[in-house]
Amino acid sequence: MSHKVDLVGVEKWMCACCKCALEIRKVSVGYMGSKFPVDLPVCPKCGQVYVPEALATGKMAEVEKTLEDK
């Protein structure tokens, strides 16, 4: 199951280190032994992944709470 993230305007985002445009790639996000495939902006040069604030404080926080409650 892949989670979708609103990435409006991502084509304008740049890696702060490499100055490369970020590309949307499927990455594996892990927490407490569980892994989830998510499409996120990634620097094609250094591999740094950008996690939008809305995802980190919204959906990811919900998943963390659900996993911790088990």
C-alpha atoms as a PDB file:
ATOM      1  CA  MET A   1       0.000   0.000   0.000  1.00  0.00           C
ATOM      2  CA  SER A   2       1.602   3.252  -1.131  1.00  0.00           C
ATOM      3  CA  HIS A   3       0.698   6.513   0.594  1.00  0.00           C
ATOM      4  CA  LYS A   4       0.095   9.580  -1.568  1.00  0.00           C
ATOM      5  CA  VAL A   5       1.424  12.978  -0.542  1.00  0.00           C
ATOM      6  CA  ASP A   6       0.359  16.362  -1.943  1.00  0.00           C
ATOM      7  CA  LEU A   7       3.494  17.564  -3.727  1.00  0.00           C
ATOM      8  CA  VAL A   8       2.164  20.675  -5.446  1.00  0.00           C
ATOM      9  CA  GLY A   9       5.079  22.847  -6.549  1.00  0.00           C
ATOM     10  CA  VAL A  10       7.726  20.170  -5.970  1.00  0.00           C
ATOM     11  CA  GLU A  11       9.243  20.848  -9.391  1.00  0.00           C
ATOM     12  CA  LYS A  12      10.592  24.114  -7.933  1.00  0.00           C
ATOM     13  CA  TRP A  13      12.252  22.539  -4.883  1.00  0.00           C
ATOM     14  CA  MET A  14      16.046  22.267  -4.824  1.00  0.00           C
ATOM     15  CA  CYS A  15      18.501  20.369  -2.622  1.00  0.00           C
ATOM     16  CA  ALA A  16      20.178  22.860  -0.276  1.00  0.00           C
ATOM     17  CA  CYS A  17      23.499  20.982  -0.478  1.00  0.00           C
ATOM     18  CA  CYS A  18      23.730  19.967  -4.136  1.00  0.00           C
ATOM     19  CA  LYS A  19      21.600  22.688  -5.759  1.00  0.00           C
ATOM     20  CA  CYS A  20      19.862  19.960  -7.821  1.00  0.00           C
ATOM     21  CA  ALA A  21      16.130  19.860  -8.534  1.00  0.00           C
ATOM     22  CA  LEU A  22      14.372  17.272  -6.384  1.00  0.00           C
ATOM     23  CA  GLU A  23      12.731  14.285  -8.086  1.00  0.00           C
ATOM     24  CA  ILE A  24       9.756  12.276  -6.874  1.00  0.00           C
ATOM     25  CA  ARG A  25      10.854   8.748  -5.992  1.00  0.00           C
ATOM     26  CA  LYS A  26       9.385   5.889  -4.014  1.00  0.00           C
ATOM     27  CA  VAL A  27      11.157   5.645  -0.664  1.00  0.00           C
ATOM     28  CA  SER A  28      10.662   3.264   2.236  1.00  0.00           C
ATOM     29  CA  VAL A  29       9.686   4.980   5.483  1.00  0.00           C
ATOM     30  CA  GLY A  30      10.221   2.860   8.582  1.00  0.00           C
ATOM     31  CA  TYR A  31       9.004   3.110  12.158  1.00  0.00           C
ATOM     32  CA  MET A  32       9.069   0.513  14.945  1.00  0.00           C
ATOM     33  CA  GLY A  33       9.902  -2.310  12.548  1.00  0.00           C
ATOM     34  CA  SER A  34       7.196  -1.463  10.014  1.00  0.00           C
ATOM     35  CA  LYS A  35       7.977  -0.064   6.560  1.00  0.00           C
ATOM     36  CA  PHE A  36       5.741   1.921   4.236  1.00  0.00           C
ATOM     37  CA  PRO A  37       6.372   2.916   0.596  1.00  0.00           C
ATOM     38  CA  VAL A  38       5.856   6.652   0.039  1.00  0.00           C
ATOM     39  CA  ASP A  39       6.494   8.870  -2.995  1.00  0.00           C
ATOM     40  CA  LEU A  40       8.645  11.762  -1.746  1.00  0.00           C
ATOM     41  CA  PRO A  41      11.013  14.391  -3.182  1.00  0.00           C
ATOM     42  CA  VAL A  42      14.604  13.106  -3.283  1.00  0.00           C
ATOM     43  CA  CYS A  43      17.872  14.711  -4.385  1.00  0.00           C
ATOM     44  CA  PRO A  44      19.127  12.662  -7.355  1.00  0.00           C
ATOM     45  CA  LYS A  45      22.742  13.453  -6.429  1.00  0.00           C
ATOM     46  CA  CYS A  46      23.047  12.941  -2.652  1.00  0.00           C
ATOM     47  CA  GLY A  47      19.858  10.963  -1.991  1.00  0.00           C
ATOM     48  CA  GLN A  48      18.591  13.292   0.745  1.00  0.00           C
ATOM     49  CA  VAL A  49      14.810  12.880   1.177  1.00  0.00           C
ATOM     50  CA  TYR A  50      12.531  15.853   1.863  1.00  0.00           C
ATOM     51  CA  VAL A  51       9.589  15.090   4.163  1.00  0.00           C
ATOM     52  CA  PRO A  52       6.967  17.857   3.887  1.00  0.00           C
ATOM     53  CA  GLU A  53       5.805  19.275   7.228  1.00  0.00           C
ATOM     54  CA  ALA A  54       2.184  18.344   6.539  1.00  0.00           C
ATOM     55  CA  LEU A  55       3.163  14.699   6.117  1.00  0.00           C
ATOM     56  CA  ALA A  56       5.417  14.648   9.186  1.00  0.00           C
ATOM     57  CA  THR A  57       2.862  16.267  11.496  1.00  0.00           C
ATOM     58  CA  GLY A  58      -0.210  14.705   9.900  1.00  0.00           C
ATOM     59  CA  LYS A  59      -0.220  11.235   8.386  1.00  0.00           C
ATOM     60  CA  MET A  60       3.137  10.112   9.831  1.00  0.00           C
ATOM     61  CA  ALA A  61       2.097  11.214  13.317  1.00  0.00           C
ATOM     62  CA  GLU A  62      -1.140   9.204  12.949  1.00  0.00           C
ATOM     63  CA  VAL A  63       0.772   6.091  11.854  1.00  0.00           C
ATOM     64  CA  GLU A  64       3.255   6.474  14.747  1.00  0.00           C
ATOM     65  CA  LYS A  65       0.427   6.732  17.277  1.00  0.00           C
ATOM     66  CA  THR A  66      -1.341   3.691  15.800  1.00  0.00           C
ATOM     67  CA  LEU A  67       1.840   1.598  15.910  1.00  0.00           C
ATOM     68  CA  GLU A  68       2.700   2.703  19.452  1.00  0.00           C
ATOM     69  CA  ASP A  69      -0.791   1.834  20.679  1.00  0.00           C
ATOM     70  CA  LYS A  70      -0.462  -1.793  19.484  1.00  0.00           C
END
